[in-house]
């Protein structure tokens, strides 16, 4: 009987270690837009599928990615980086970023519409647990004119143009810094 209990314990331990190793190998990926298109369309992305929870998303120069549905907390990428003349257009759809790890939205380009959330969308960047930054670097343009809410928990940095309206609400959670 003692031998059977020991075998059972060793078997359970090995099963646990196997499942743990499986979970570790399913880590976040860097997913790059390869064509202008819809966020949810597989053909838009290097992976052949829309970005998943915790992925690092890159929108390179010359490519525009448009949301045709909301990107909720359950599938939120860790980061979105817009390069050069690339663009991210949210339309009327909410966008969650950095919900399971620190990250944010990083504008590293000069596009006139690097981030266009001007049709009533809400942006949720980070959580009370995870820092979420919105950094507009290198003279890019961020348009938040009809955005109802920008809720974030990290750095808000603007080295380009950031346009808001009287109805835009910036909600800072955690210990957030604003650099304008």
Protein backbone atom coordinates (compact mmCIF):
# COMPACT_ATOMS: atom_id res chain seq x y z
CA UNK A 1 0.00 0.00 0.00
CA UNK A 2 2.84 2.33 0.86
CA UNK A 3 4.37 1.72 -2.57
CA UNK A 4 1.07 2.55 -4.36
CA UNK A 5 0.70 5.86 -2.46
CA UNK A 6 4.26 6.81 -3.33
CA UNK A 7 3.71 5.96 -7.01
CA UNK A 8 0.50 7.99 -7.02
CA UNK A 9 2.25 11.00 -5.46
CA UNK A 10 5.14 10.82 -7.94
CA UNK A 11 2.66 10.49 -10.82
CA UNK A 12 0.68 13.52 -9.65
CA UNK A 13 3.87 15.54 -9.23
CA UNK A 14 5.03 14.65 -12.75
CA UNK A 15 1.61 15.54 -14.18
CA UNK A 16 1.69 18.89 -12.38
CA UNK A 17 5.21 19.65 -13.65
CA UNK A 18 4.19 18.71 -17.20
CA UNK A 19 1.15 21.01 -17.11
CA UNK A 20 3.23 23.81 -15.57
CA UNK A 21 5.84 23.47 -18.33
CA UNK A 22 3.09 23.55 -20.96
CA UNK A 23 1.75 26.79 -19.51
CA UNK A 24 5.20 28.35 -19.53
CA UNK A 25 5.79 27.53 -23.19
CA UNK A 26 2.56 29.28 -24.18
CA UNK A 27 4.08 32.67 -23.56
CA UNK A 28 3.15 35.91 -25.24
CA UNK A 29 4.32 36.52 -28.77
CA UNK A 30 5.31 39.55 -30.81
CA UNK A 31 2.65 39.93 -33.48
CA UNK A 32 3.36 42.34 -36.34
CA UNK A 33 0.80 43.77 -38.75
CA UNK A 34 1.77 42.71 -42.28
CA UNK A 35 -1.11 44.37 -44.15
CA UNK A 36 -3.58 47.19 -43.67
CA UNK A 37 -6.78 45.70 -42.31
CA UNK A 38 -9.11 44.75 -39.51
CA UNK A 39 -7.66 43.91 -36.06
CA UNK A 40 -9.61 40.63 -35.94
CA UNK A 41 -8.61 39.46 -39.46
CA UNK A 42 -5.89 36.82 -39.52
CA UNK A 43 -4.48 38.20 -42.78
CA UNK A 44 -3.56 41.44 -41.02
CA UNK A 45 -1.03 39.71 -38.74
CA UNK A 46 2.27 37.86 -39.00
CA UNK A 47 0.85 35.06 -36.82
CA UNK A 48 -2.15 34.52 -39.12
CA UNK A 49 -4.50 35.32 -36.24
CA UNK A 50 -5.56 38.33 -34.18
CA UNK A 51 -3.30 39.17 -31.23
CA UNK A 52 -4.00 37.35 -27.98
CA UNK A 53 -3.90 38.26 -24.31
CA UNK A 54 -0.44 39.51 -23.36
CA UNK A 55 0.96 39.72 -26.90
CA UNK A 56 3.24 42.54 -28.01
CA UNK A 57 1.71 44.16 -31.10
CA UNK A 58 3.70 46.13 -33.68
CA UNK A 59 2.07 48.24 -36.39
CA UNK A 60 4.88 49.20 -38.78
CA UNK A 61 5.17 52.21 -41.04
CA UNK A 62 2.62 52.44 -43.84
CA UNK A 63 0.08 50.06 -42.26
CA UNK A 64 -3.27 50.97 -40.71
CA UNK A 65 -5.06 48.60 -38.36
CA UNK A 66 -8.73 49.30 -37.64
CA UNK A 67 -10.90 47.83 -34.90
CA UNK A 68 -14.22 46.46 -36.14
CA UNK A 69 -15.10 45.21 -32.66
CA UNK A 70 -13.88 45.94 -29.18
CA UNK A 71 -10.64 44.44 -27.87
CA UNK A 72 -11.67 43.42 -24.36
CA UNK A 73 -9.66 42.72 -21.24
CA UNK A 74 -9.70 38.97 -21.94
CA UNK A 75 -7.72 39.40 -25.18
CA UNK A 76 -5.84 42.60 -24.36
CA UNK A 77 -2.33 42.83 -25.77
CA UNK A 78 0.47 43.78 -23.37
CA UNK A 79 1.80 46.45 -25.69
CA UNK A 80 0.89 48.17 -28.94
CA UNK A 81 3.72 49.97 -30.72
CA UNK A 82 2.92 52.14 -33.74
CA UNK A 83 5.99 52.87 -35.88
CA UNK A 84 6.67 55.52 -38.55
CA UNK A 85 3.54 56.31 -40.55
CA UNK A 86 1.58 53.37 -39.13
CA UNK A 87 -1.88 53.94 -37.62
CA UNK A 88 -4.27 52.38 -35.15
CA UNK A 89 -7.92 53.42 -35.57
CA UNK A 90 -10.33 52.32 -32.84
CA UNK A 91 -13.53 53.58 -34.44
CA UNK A 92 -16.37 53.34 -31.93
CA UNK A 93 -14.85 50.32 -30.20
CA UNK A 94 -13.21 50.11 -26.77
CA UNK A 95 -9.59 49.04 -26.52
CA UNK A 96 -7.98 47.37 -23.50
CA UNK A 97 -4.18 47.13 -23.24
CA UNK A 98 -1.84 45.88 -20.48
CA UNK A 99 -4.45 44.02 -18.46
CA UNK A 100 -2.29 41.04 -17.41
CA UNK A 101 1.20 42.61 -17.32
CA UNK A 102 2.80 46.05 -17.41
CA UNK A 103 2.81 47.58 -20.89
CA UNK A 104 0.98 50.26 -22.85
CA UNK A 105 0.56 52.06 -26.15
CA UNK A 106 3.75 53.50 -27.65
CA UNK A 107 3.64 55.88 -30.61
CA UNK A 108 7.12 55.91 -32.19
CA UNK A 109 6.27 57.57 -35.45
CA UNK A 110 5.22 60.73 -37.17
CA UNK A 111 1.85 59.65 -38.54
CA UNK A 112 -0.92 62.24 -38.58
CA UNK A 113 -3.23 59.52 -37.22
CA UNK A 114 -0.88 57.27 -35.24
CA UNK A 115 -3.69 56.63 -32.73
CA UNK A 116 -7.16 57.70 -33.73
CA UNK A 117 -9.74 57.08 -31.00
CA UNK A 118 -12.01 59.87 -32.11
CA UNK A 119 -15.32 58.10 -32.68
CA UNK A 120 -16.50 57.55 -29.13
CA UNK A 121 -14.23 54.70 -28.10
CA UNK A 122 -12.83 54.22 -24.59
CA UNK A 123 -9.20 53.33 -23.89
CA UNK A 124 -8.27 51.25 -20.84
CA UNK A 125 -4.50 51.11 -20.47
CA UNK A 126 -3.24 49.14 -17.48
CA UNK A 127 -4.98 48.23 -14.25
CA UNK A 128 -4.56 49.01 -10.57
CA UNK A 129 -2.10 46.08 -10.55
CA UNK A 130 -0.29 46.57 -13.87
CA UNK A 131 1.19 49.83 -15.13
CA UNK A 132 -0.16 50.96 -18.49
CA UNK A 133 1.56 53.81 -20.34
CA UNK A 134 0.44 56.02 -23.20
CA UNK A 135 3.58 57.48 -24.76
CA UNK A 136 3.47 59.68 -27.83
CA UNK A 137 7.08 59.97 -28.97
CA UNK A 138 8.68 61.44 -32.09
CA UNK A 139 5.99 63.96 -33.08
CA UNK A 140 3.19 61.47 -33.71
CA UNK A 141 -0.47 62.49 -33.45
CA UNK A 142 -2.93 61.02 -30.96
CA UNK A 143 -6.54 62.03 -31.56
CA UNK A 144 -8.86 61.56 -28.58
CA UNK A 145 -11.50 64.13 -29.54
CA UNK A 146 -14.57 61.94 -29.10
CA UNK A 147 -13.06 59.46 -26.69
CA UNK A 148 -15.25 59.33 -23.62
CA UNK A 149 -12.73 57.76 -21.22
CA UNK A 150 -8.97 57.26 -21.18
CA UNK A 151 -8.31 55.22 -18.06
CA UNK A 152 -4.69 54.46 -17.34
CA UNK A 153 -2.28 53.55 -14.59
CA UNK A 154 1.12 54.53 -15.99
CA UNK A 155 2.92 57.38 -17.69
CA UNK A 156 1.16 59.75 -20.06
CA UNK A 157 3.93 61.25 -22.17
CA UNK A 158 3.39 63.55 -25.13
CA UNK A 159 6.21 64.66 -27.41
CA UNK A 160 3.93 65.15 -30.39
CA UNK A 161 0.33 66.26 -30.79
CA UNK A 162 -2.42 64.99 -28.52
CA UNK A 163 -5.89 66.32 -29.23
CA UNK A 164 -8.74 65.99 -26.74
CA UNK A 165 -12.18 67.53 -26.32
CA UNK A 166 -14.05 68.96 -23.35
CA UNK A 167 -15.88 65.63 -23.08
CA UNK A 168 -12.71 63.51 -22.90
CA UNK A 169 -12.19 62.20 -19.36
CA UNK A 170 -8.72 61.16 -18.26
CA UNK A 171 -8.93 58.80 -15.29
CA UNK A 172 -5.65 58.06 -13.56
CA UNK A 173 -5.51 54.98 -11.38
CA UNK A 174 -2.59 54.04 -9.17
CA UNK A 175 0.47 56.30 -9.03
CA UNK A 176 0.37 57.83 -12.50
CA UNK A 177 2.59 60.58 -13.83
CA UNK A 178 1.65 62.97 -16.62
CA UNK A 179 4.39 64.52 -18.77
CA UNK A 180 3.19 67.02 -21.37
